Amino acid sequence: MSLQVRCVRFDELPTRLAYDVWRLRQQVFVVEQHCAYPDLDGRDLEAATRHVLLLEDDRLVGCLRVLDDGDRARIGRVVVAPDARGRGLAHRLMERALEECGDRDVHLDAQTGMTGLYRGYGFEVNGPEFDDDGVMHVPMARSGTPSRP
C-alpha cells in the first residue's frame, strides 16, 4: 500500500478530493459522533488555510486543516476513516500539520479521549473541559517548537 501526505490550499483541491474531505468529516463527526454542526464554516476557503490530506492508494483515509488565527496557528477537523484507525495514521497527519505551523504557537480543541495523542506533540491542556455538540473537548496549546515523538 502506498501512503502519501499532501498539504494544499482550498483552490488546489481537486473536486473529487474536496468531496472526499467533506464526506469523511460528515461520516465521522456528523453521523458516527451524532454532532449536527455547521462543518462548512467558511474557514476552509481562507487563503491561509492548509488542508493536510492522507491518501492510501489514492483513497482519502485522513485529513485535518491548519488555520491562521493571527498570532497563532490552529489545528482542527482532525479525522481518520473508521476502517483506517489503529495504525498510527493520525501521527502522520499531525507531523505534517506541525511542519506547516513552523515555530508558531499552536492551539486546538481536543476530544477528551484524544489528549494523549496531542500531549505527545507538546500540547498541554490550557482550559476547562467543554461540551461541543455532545462530545467533550479540552482546549490545548503548545508554544514554539517543542520536541516531537
N, C-alpha and C. Protein backbone atom coordinates (compact mmCIF):
# COMPACT_ATOMS: atom_id res chain seq x y z
N MET A 1 0.84 -1.19 0.00
CA MET A 1 0.00 0.00 0.00
C MET A 1 0.87 1.24 0.00
N SER A 2 0.45 2.20 -0.74
CA SER A 2 1.19 3.45 -0.86
C SER A 2 0.50 4.52 -0.01
N LEU A 3 1.27 5.12 0.90
CA LEU A 3 0.74 6.17 1.78
C LEU A 3 1.36 7.49 1.40
N GLN A 4 0.53 8.49 1.18
CA GLN A 4 1.00 9.81 0.76
C GLN A 4 0.34 10.89 1.61
N VAL A 5 1.13 11.86 2.07
CA VAL A 5 0.60 13.00 2.80
C VAL A 5 0.76 14.22 1.90
N ARG A 6 -0.33 14.93 1.69
CA ARG A 6 -0.32 16.14 0.87
C ARG A 6 -0.84 17.31 1.69
N CYS A 7 -0.35 18.48 1.37
CA CYS A 7 -0.83 19.70 2.02
C CYS A 7 -1.16 20.70 0.93
N VAL A 8 -2.43 21.14 0.90
CA VAL A 8 -2.88 22.01 -0.18
C VAL A 8 -3.80 23.11 0.35
N ARG A 9 -3.89 24.18 -0.42
CA ARG A 9 -4.89 25.22 -0.18
C ARG A 9 -6.21 24.75 -0.80
N PHE A 10 -7.28 25.40 -0.43
CA PHE A 10 -8.59 25.03 -0.96
C PHE A 10 -8.61 25.04 -2.48
N ASP A 11 -8.06 26.09 -3.07
CA ASP A 11 -8.09 26.22 -4.53
C ASP A 11 -7.26 25.16 -5.24
N GLU A 12 -6.42 24.45 -4.50
CA GLU A 12 -5.60 23.39 -5.08
C GLU A 12 -6.23 22.00 -4.93
N LEU A 13 -7.36 21.94 -4.24
CA LEU A 13 -8.05 20.66 -4.03
C LEU A 13 -8.79 20.25 -5.30
N PRO A 14 -8.47 19.10 -5.87
CA PRO A 14 -9.29 18.61 -6.98
C PRO A 14 -10.72 18.38 -6.50
N THR A 15 -11.68 18.55 -7.36
CA THR A 15 -13.09 18.48 -6.99
C THR A 15 -13.44 17.20 -6.25
N ARG A 16 -13.04 16.06 -6.78
CA ARG A 16 -13.38 14.78 -6.14
C ARG A 16 -12.72 14.63 -4.78
N LEU A 17 -11.50 15.14 -4.63
CA LEU A 17 -10.82 15.05 -3.35
C LEU A 17 -11.49 15.97 -2.32
N ALA A 18 -11.92 17.15 -2.76
CA ALA A 18 -12.66 18.05 -1.87
C ALA A 18 -13.94 17.35 -1.39
N TYR A 19 -14.64 16.71 -2.30
CA TYR A 19 -15.84 15.96 -1.94
C TYR A 19 -15.50 14.90 -0.90
N ASP A 20 -14.38 14.18 -1.09
CA ASP A 20 -13.98 13.13 -0.15
C ASP A 20 -13.67 13.70 1.24
N VAL A 21 -13.06 14.89 1.28
CA VAL A 21 -12.76 15.54 2.57
C VAL A 21 -14.05 15.79 3.33
N TRP A 22 -15.00 16.44 2.69
CA TRP A 22 -16.24 16.77 3.39
C TRP A 22 -17.08 15.53 3.69
N ARG A 23 -17.01 14.54 2.82
CA ARG A 23 -17.73 13.29 3.08
C ARG A 23 -17.15 12.59 4.31
N LEU A 24 -15.81 12.53 4.42
CA LEU A 24 -15.18 11.88 5.57
C LEU A 24 -15.52 12.64 6.86
N ARG A 25 -15.42 13.96 6.83
CA ARG A 25 -15.76 14.73 8.02
C ARG A 25 -17.21 14.52 8.41
N GLN A 26 -18.11 14.47 7.44
CA GLN A 26 -19.52 14.22 7.72
C GLN A 26 -19.71 12.82 8.28
N GLN A 27 -19.07 11.83 7.67
CA GLN A 27 -19.20 10.44 8.12
C GLN A 27 -18.81 10.28 9.58
N VAL A 28 -17.73 10.92 9.98
CA VAL A 28 -17.23 10.74 11.35
C VAL A 28 -17.89 11.71 12.32
N PHE A 29 -17.83 13.00 12.05
CA PHE A 29 -18.31 13.97 13.03
C PHE A 29 -19.84 14.02 13.11
N VAL A 30 -20.51 13.99 11.98
CA VAL A 30 -21.97 14.15 11.99
C VAL A 30 -22.66 12.81 12.23
N VAL A 31 -22.30 11.79 11.44
CA VAL A 31 -23.01 10.51 11.53
C VAL A 31 -22.50 9.66 12.69
N GLU A 32 -21.20 9.35 12.73
CA GLU A 32 -20.67 8.48 13.78
C GLU A 32 -20.79 9.10 15.17
N GLN A 33 -20.44 10.39 15.29
CA GLN A 33 -20.42 11.04 16.60
C GLN A 33 -21.72 11.79 16.91
N HIS A 34 -22.68 11.75 16.00
CA HIS A 34 -24.00 12.34 16.20
C HIS A 34 -23.93 13.84 16.52
N CYS A 35 -23.09 14.57 15.79
CA CYS A 35 -22.93 16.01 16.01
C CYS A 35 -23.43 16.77 14.78
N ALA A 36 -24.61 17.30 14.88
CA ALA A 36 -25.13 18.14 13.80
C ALA A 36 -24.56 19.53 14.01
N TYR A 37 -23.58 19.89 13.20
CA TYR A 37 -22.92 21.18 13.35
C TYR A 37 -22.60 21.72 11.96
N PRO A 38 -22.35 23.01 11.83
CA PRO A 38 -22.05 23.61 10.52
C PRO A 38 -20.58 23.37 10.12
N ASP A 39 -20.30 22.21 9.55
CA ASP A 39 -18.94 21.88 9.14
C ASP A 39 -18.41 22.89 8.12
N LEU A 40 -19.24 23.30 7.20
CA LEU A 40 -18.82 24.26 6.18
C LEU A 40 -18.96 25.67 6.76
N ASP A 41 -17.94 26.03 7.55
CA ASP A 41 -17.95 27.28 8.31
C ASP A 41 -17.24 28.44 7.63
N GLY A 42 -16.77 28.22 6.41
CA GLY A 42 -16.08 29.28 5.68
C GLY A 42 -14.58 29.27 5.86
N ARG A 43 -14.08 28.62 6.89
CA ARG A 43 -12.64 28.66 7.18
C ARG A 43 -11.83 27.81 6.21
N ASP A 44 -12.45 26.80 5.60
CA ASP A 44 -11.74 26.00 4.60
C ASP A 44 -11.30 26.86 3.42
N LEU A 45 -12.05 27.92 3.14
CA LEU A 45 -11.81 28.78 1.98
C LEU A 45 -10.75 29.85 2.21
N GLU A 46 -10.38 30.12 3.46
CA GLU A 46 -9.44 31.20 3.76
C GLU A 46 -8.10 30.95 3.06
N ALA A 47 -7.50 32.01 2.57
CA ALA A 47 -6.25 31.90 1.81
C ALA A 47 -5.13 31.23 2.60
N ALA A 48 -5.09 31.44 3.90
CA ALA A 48 -4.01 30.88 4.71
C ALA A 48 -4.27 29.45 5.18
N THR A 49 -5.50 28.94 5.02
CA THR A 49 -5.83 27.59 5.47
C THR A 49 -5.11 26.55 4.62
N ARG A 50 -4.58 25.54 5.31
CA ARG A 50 -3.93 24.42 4.64
C ARG A 50 -4.68 23.15 5.01
N HIS A 51 -4.97 22.34 4.01
CA HIS A 51 -5.62 21.05 4.21
C HIS A 51 -4.56 19.97 4.11
N VAL A 52 -4.39 19.22 5.20
CA VAL A 52 -3.44 18.12 5.22
C VAL A 52 -4.24 16.86 4.94
N LEU A 53 -3.85 16.16 3.90
CA LEU A 53 -4.60 15.01 3.41
C LEU A 53 -3.72 13.77 3.47
N LEU A 54 -4.28 12.69 3.95
CA LEU A 54 -3.57 11.41 4.00
C LEU A 54 -4.27 10.46 3.04
N LEU A 55 -3.53 10.06 2.02
CA LEU A 55 -4.08 9.20 0.98
C LEU A 55 -3.39 7.85 1.02
N GLU A 56 -4.18 6.81 0.94
CA GLU A 56 -3.64 5.45 0.86
C GLU A 56 -4.14 4.87 -0.45
N ASP A 57 -3.19 4.60 -1.35
CA ASP A 57 -3.56 4.13 -2.68
C ASP A 57 -4.62 5.03 -3.31
N ASP A 58 -4.40 6.33 -3.22
CA ASP A 58 -5.28 7.36 -3.79
C ASP A 58 -6.66 7.45 -3.12
N ARG A 59 -6.85 6.80 -1.98
CA ARG A 59 -8.11 6.91 -1.22
C ARG A 59 -7.84 7.74 0.02
N LEU A 60 -8.68 8.75 0.25
CA LEU A 60 -8.54 9.59 1.44
C LEU A 60 -8.85 8.77 2.68
N VAL A 61 -7.86 8.68 3.59
CA VAL A 61 -8.06 7.94 4.83
C VAL A 61 -7.95 8.83 6.06
N GLY A 62 -7.57 10.09 5.87
CA GLY A 62 -7.49 11.02 6.97
C GLY A 62 -7.24 12.42 6.48
N CYS A 63 -7.60 13.39 7.31
CA CYS A 63 -7.35 14.79 6.95
C CYS A 63 -7.46 15.66 8.19
N LEU A 64 -6.97 16.85 8.05
CA LEU A 64 -7.14 17.89 9.05
C LEU A 64 -6.93 19.22 8.35
N ARG A 65 -7.16 20.30 9.08
CA ARG A 65 -6.88 21.61 8.50
C ARG A 65 -6.07 22.43 9.48
N VAL A 66 -5.21 23.27 8.93
CA VAL A 66 -4.40 24.20 9.71
C VAL A 66 -4.89 25.59 9.37
N LEU A 67 -5.32 26.32 10.41
CA LEU A 67 -5.87 27.66 10.23
C LEU A 67 -4.90 28.70 10.75
N ASP A 68 -5.01 29.90 10.22
CA ASP A 68 -4.24 31.04 10.71
C ASP A 68 -5.16 31.86 11.60
N ASP A 69 -4.88 31.87 12.90
CA ASP A 69 -5.66 32.64 13.85
C ASP A 69 -4.91 33.91 14.27
N GLY A 70 -4.19 34.50 13.33
CA GLY A 70 -3.47 35.74 13.62
C GLY A 70 -2.15 35.49 14.31
N ASP A 71 -2.14 35.56 15.63
CA ASP A 71 -0.89 35.40 16.37
C ASP A 71 -0.54 33.94 16.62
N ARG A 72 -1.37 33.02 16.13
CA ARG A 72 -1.08 31.59 16.33
C ARG A 72 -1.76 30.79 15.22
N ALA A 73 -1.34 29.54 15.12
CA ALA A 73 -1.99 28.60 14.20
C ALA A 73 -3.00 27.78 14.98
N ARG A 74 -3.95 27.20 14.28
CA ARG A 74 -4.96 26.33 14.91
C ARG A 74 -5.11 25.09 14.05
N ILE A 75 -5.04 23.93 14.69
CA ILE A 75 -5.26 22.66 14.01
C ILE A 75 -6.67 22.21 14.36
N GLY A 76 -7.41 21.76 13.35
CA GLY A 76 -8.77 21.33 13.60
C GLY A 76 -9.26 20.33 12.58
N ARG A 77 -10.45 19.82 12.84
CA ARG A 77 -11.10 18.84 11.97
C ARG A 77 -10.19 17.63 11.70
N VAL A 78 -9.50 17.17 12.75
CA VAL A 78 -8.60 16.02 12.64
C VAL A 78 -9.46 14.76 12.57
N VAL A 79 -9.32 14.00 11.50
CA VAL A 79 -10.17 12.82 11.32
C VAL A 79 -9.43 11.73 10.56
N VAL A 80 -9.63 10.50 11.02
CA VAL A 80 -9.13 9.31 10.33
C VAL A 80 -10.33 8.42 10.05
N ALA A 81 -10.40 7.87 8.86
CA ALA A 81 -11.51 6.99 8.47
C ALA A 81 -11.63 5.83 9.44
N PRO A 82 -12.85 5.43 9.78
CA PRO A 82 -13.04 4.33 10.74
C PRO A 82 -12.27 3.06 10.38
N ASP A 83 -12.23 2.69 9.11
CA ASP A 83 -11.55 1.46 8.72
C ASP A 83 -10.03 1.59 8.64
N ALA A 84 -9.51 2.79 8.93
CA ALA A 84 -8.06 3.02 8.88
C ALA A 84 -7.48 3.33 10.26
N ARG A 85 -8.29 3.29 11.29
CA ARG A 85 -7.84 3.65 12.63
C ARG A 85 -6.98 2.55 13.25
N GLY A 86 -6.20 2.94 14.27
CA GLY A 86 -5.39 1.98 15.00
C GLY A 86 -4.07 1.66 14.33
N ARG A 87 -3.69 2.43 13.33
CA ARG A 87 -2.45 2.19 12.59
C ARG A 87 -1.47 3.36 12.71
N GLY A 88 -1.77 4.31 13.58
CA GLY A 88 -0.87 5.44 13.78
C GLY A 88 -0.97 6.50 12.70
N LEU A 89 -2.02 6.49 11.92
CA LEU A 89 -2.14 7.43 10.81
C LEU A 89 -2.33 8.87 11.29
N ALA A 90 -2.95 9.05 12.45
CA ALA A 90 -3.12 10.41 12.98
C ALA A 90 -1.76 11.06 13.22
N HIS A 91 -0.76 10.25 13.55
CA HIS A 91 0.59 10.80 13.73
C HIS A 91 1.13 11.37 12.43
N ARG A 92 0.87 10.70 11.33
CA ARG A 92 1.34 11.22 10.04
C ARG A 92 0.69 12.57 9.74
N LEU A 93 -0.59 12.69 10.05
CA LEU A 93 -1.28 13.97 9.85
C LEU A 93 -0.69 15.06 10.73
N MET A 94 -0.51 14.74 12.01
CA MET A 94 -0.01 15.74 12.95
C MET A 94 1.40 16.18 12.61
N GLU A 95 2.25 15.26 12.23
CA GLU A 95 3.63 15.63 11.87
C GLU A 95 3.63 16.63 10.73
N ARG A 96 2.81 16.39 9.71
CA ARG A 96 2.76 17.30 8.56
C ARG A 96 2.13 18.63 8.96
N ALA A 97 1.10 18.58 9.80
CA ALA A 97 0.45 19.82 10.25
C ALA A 97 1.43 20.69 11.01
N LEU A 98 2.21 20.08 11.89
CA LEU A 98 3.16 20.87 12.68
C LEU A 98 4.28 21.43 11.82
N GLU A 99 4.63 20.74 10.75
CA GLU A 99 5.59 21.33 9.79
C GLU A 99 5.00 22.61 9.21
N GLU A 100 3.72 22.59 8.89
CA GLU A 100 3.05 23.76 8.34
C GLU A 100 3.02 24.91 9.34
N CYS A 101 2.90 24.58 10.62
CA CYS A 101 2.81 25.61 11.67
C CYS A 101 4.16 26.26 11.94
N GLY A 102 5.24 25.58 11.60
CA GLY A 102 6.57 26.13 11.85
C GLY A 102 6.79 26.37 13.32
N ASP A 103 7.35 27.53 13.66
CA ASP A 103 7.67 27.83 15.07
C ASP A 103 6.59 28.68 15.74
N ARG A 104 5.41 28.70 15.18
CA ARG A 104 4.30 29.46 15.76
C ARG A 104 3.69 28.72 16.94
N ASP A 105 3.04 29.45 17.84
CA ASP A 105 2.21 28.83 18.85
C ASP A 105 1.04 28.16 18.13
N VAL A 106 0.59 27.04 18.66
CA VAL A 106 -0.49 26.29 18.02
C VAL A 106 -1.54 25.94 19.07
N HIS A 107 -2.80 26.11 18.71
CA HIS A 107 -3.92 25.76 19.57
C HIS A 107 -4.79 24.73 18.86
N LEU A 108 -5.52 23.97 19.65
CA LEU A 108 -6.51 23.04 19.13
C LEU A 108 -7.50 22.71 20.23
N ASP A 109 -8.64 22.20 19.84
CA ASP A 109 -9.63 21.71 20.79
C ASP A 109 -9.69 20.20 20.60
N ALA A 110 -9.19 19.46 21.59
CA ALA A 110 -9.09 18.01 21.50
C ALA A 110 -10.29 17.32 22.11
N GLN A 111 -10.78 16.28 21.44
CA GLN A 111 -11.75 15.43 22.10
C GLN A 111 -11.03 14.87 23.33
N THR A 112 -11.71 14.84 24.44
CA THR A 112 -11.09 14.50 25.71
C THR A 112 -10.30 13.19 25.64
N GLY A 113 -10.81 12.20 24.95
CA GLY A 113 -10.12 10.93 24.85
C GLY A 113 -8.88 10.94 23.97
N MET A 114 -8.64 12.04 23.29
CA MET A 114 -7.50 12.12 22.36
C MET A 114 -6.36 12.99 22.90
N THR A 115 -6.45 13.42 24.14
CA THR A 115 -5.42 14.33 24.66
C THR A 115 -4.04 13.68 24.68
N GLY A 116 -3.96 12.38 24.87
CA GLY A 116 -2.66 11.71 24.88
C GLY A 116 -1.93 11.85 23.56
N LEU A 117 -2.65 11.75 22.47
CA LEU A 117 -2.04 11.94 21.15
C LEU A 117 -1.38 13.31 21.06
N TYR A 118 -2.11 14.33 21.46
CA TYR A 118 -1.61 15.70 21.33
C TYR A 118 -0.53 16.02 22.36
N ARG A 119 -0.62 15.44 23.54
CA ARG A 119 0.44 15.64 24.53
C ARG A 119 1.78 15.16 23.99
N GLY A 120 1.75 14.10 23.19
CA GLY A 120 2.97 13.58 22.58
C GLY A 120 3.64 14.57 21.64
N TYR A 121 2.92 15.60 21.24
CA TYR A 121 3.48 16.65 20.38
C TYR A 121 3.71 17.95 21.13
N GLY A 122 3.69 17.89 22.45
CA GLY A 122 3.99 19.07 23.25
C GLY A 122 2.79 19.92 23.60
N PHE A 123 1.59 19.48 23.31
CA PHE A 123 0.40 20.25 23.66
C PHE A 123 0.06 20.02 25.13
N GLU A 124 -0.45 21.05 25.77
CA GLU A 124 -0.90 20.97 27.15
C GLU A 124 -2.31 21.53 27.26
N VAL A 125 -3.11 20.92 28.12
CA VAL A 125 -4.46 21.43 28.36
C VAL A 125 -4.33 22.83 28.95
N ASN A 126 -5.07 23.79 28.39
CA ASN A 126 -4.96 25.17 28.88
C ASN A 126 -6.32 25.79 29.20
N GLY A 127 -7.28 24.94 29.55
CA GLY A 127 -8.59 25.46 29.91
C GLY A 127 -9.49 24.32 30.34
N PRO A 128 -10.70 24.65 30.77
CA PRO A 128 -11.62 23.63 31.27
C PRO A 128 -12.25 22.81 30.14
N GLU A 129 -12.62 21.59 30.48
CA GLU A 129 -13.33 20.71 29.55
C GLU A 129 -14.66 21.37 29.18
N PHE A 130 -15.10 21.17 27.92
CA PHE A 130 -16.37 21.74 27.48
C PHE A 130 -17.06 20.77 26.54
N ASP A 131 -18.37 20.91 26.47
CA ASP A 131 -19.21 20.08 25.61
C ASP A 131 -19.36 20.77 24.26
N ASP A 132 -18.93 20.09 23.21
CA ASP A 132 -19.08 20.61 21.85
C ASP A 132 -19.99 19.66 21.09
N ASP A 133 -21.25 20.00 21.00
CA ASP A 133 -22.26 19.17 20.33
C ASP A 133 -22.32 17.76 20.87
N GLY A 134 -22.23 17.62 22.19
CA GLY A 134 -22.36 16.32 22.82
C GLY A 134 -21.07 15.53 22.95
N VAL A 135 -19.97 16.08 22.49
CA VAL A 135 -18.66 15.43 22.61
C VAL A 135 -17.78 16.32 23.48
N MET A 136 -17.24 15.74 24.55
CA MET A 136 -16.42 16.53 25.46
C MET A 136 -15.04 16.81 24.84
N HIS A 137 -14.61 18.06 25.00
CA HIS A 137 -13.34 18.55 24.45
C HIS A 137 -12.58 19.31 25.53
N VAL A 138 -11.29 19.49 25.30
CA VAL A 138 -10.48 20.39 26.12
C VAL A 138 -9.63 21.23 25.18
N PRO A 139 -9.45 22.51 25.52
CA PRO A 139 -8.54 23.33 24.73
C PRO A 139 -7.10 22.94 25.07
N MET A 140 -6.26 22.91 24.05
CA MET A 140 -4.85 22.58 24.26
C MET A 140 -4.00 23.55 23.45
N ALA A 141 -2.78 23.75 23.91
CA ALA A 141 -1.86 24.65 23.22
C ALA A 141 -0.44 24.15 23.38
N ARG A 142 0.39 24.56 22.44
CA ARG A 142 1.82 24.34 22.55
C ARG A 142 2.50 25.59 22.03
N SER A 143 3.63 25.91 22.61
CA SER A 143 4.32 27.13 22.19
C SER A 143 5.58 26.75 21.44
N GLY A 144 5.90 27.58 20.47
CA GLY A 144 7.14 27.41 19.72
C GLY A 144 7.31 26.04 19.11
N THR A 145 8.49 25.47 19.30
CA THR A 145 8.80 24.19 18.68
C THR A 145 9.26 23.17 19.70
N PRO A 146 8.33 22.58 20.48
CA PRO A 146 8.73 21.55 21.44
C PRO A 146 9.19 20.29 20.73
N SER A 147 9.82 19.41 21.44
CA SER A 147 10.26 18.15 20.83
C SER A 147 9.05 17.33 20.44
N ARG A 148 9.20 16.57 19.38
CA ARG A 148 8.12 15.71 18.88
C ARG A 148 8.52 14.26 19.05
N PRO A 149 7.52 13.37 19.11
CA PRO A 149 7.83 11.93 19.29
C PRO A 149 8.56 11.36 18.09
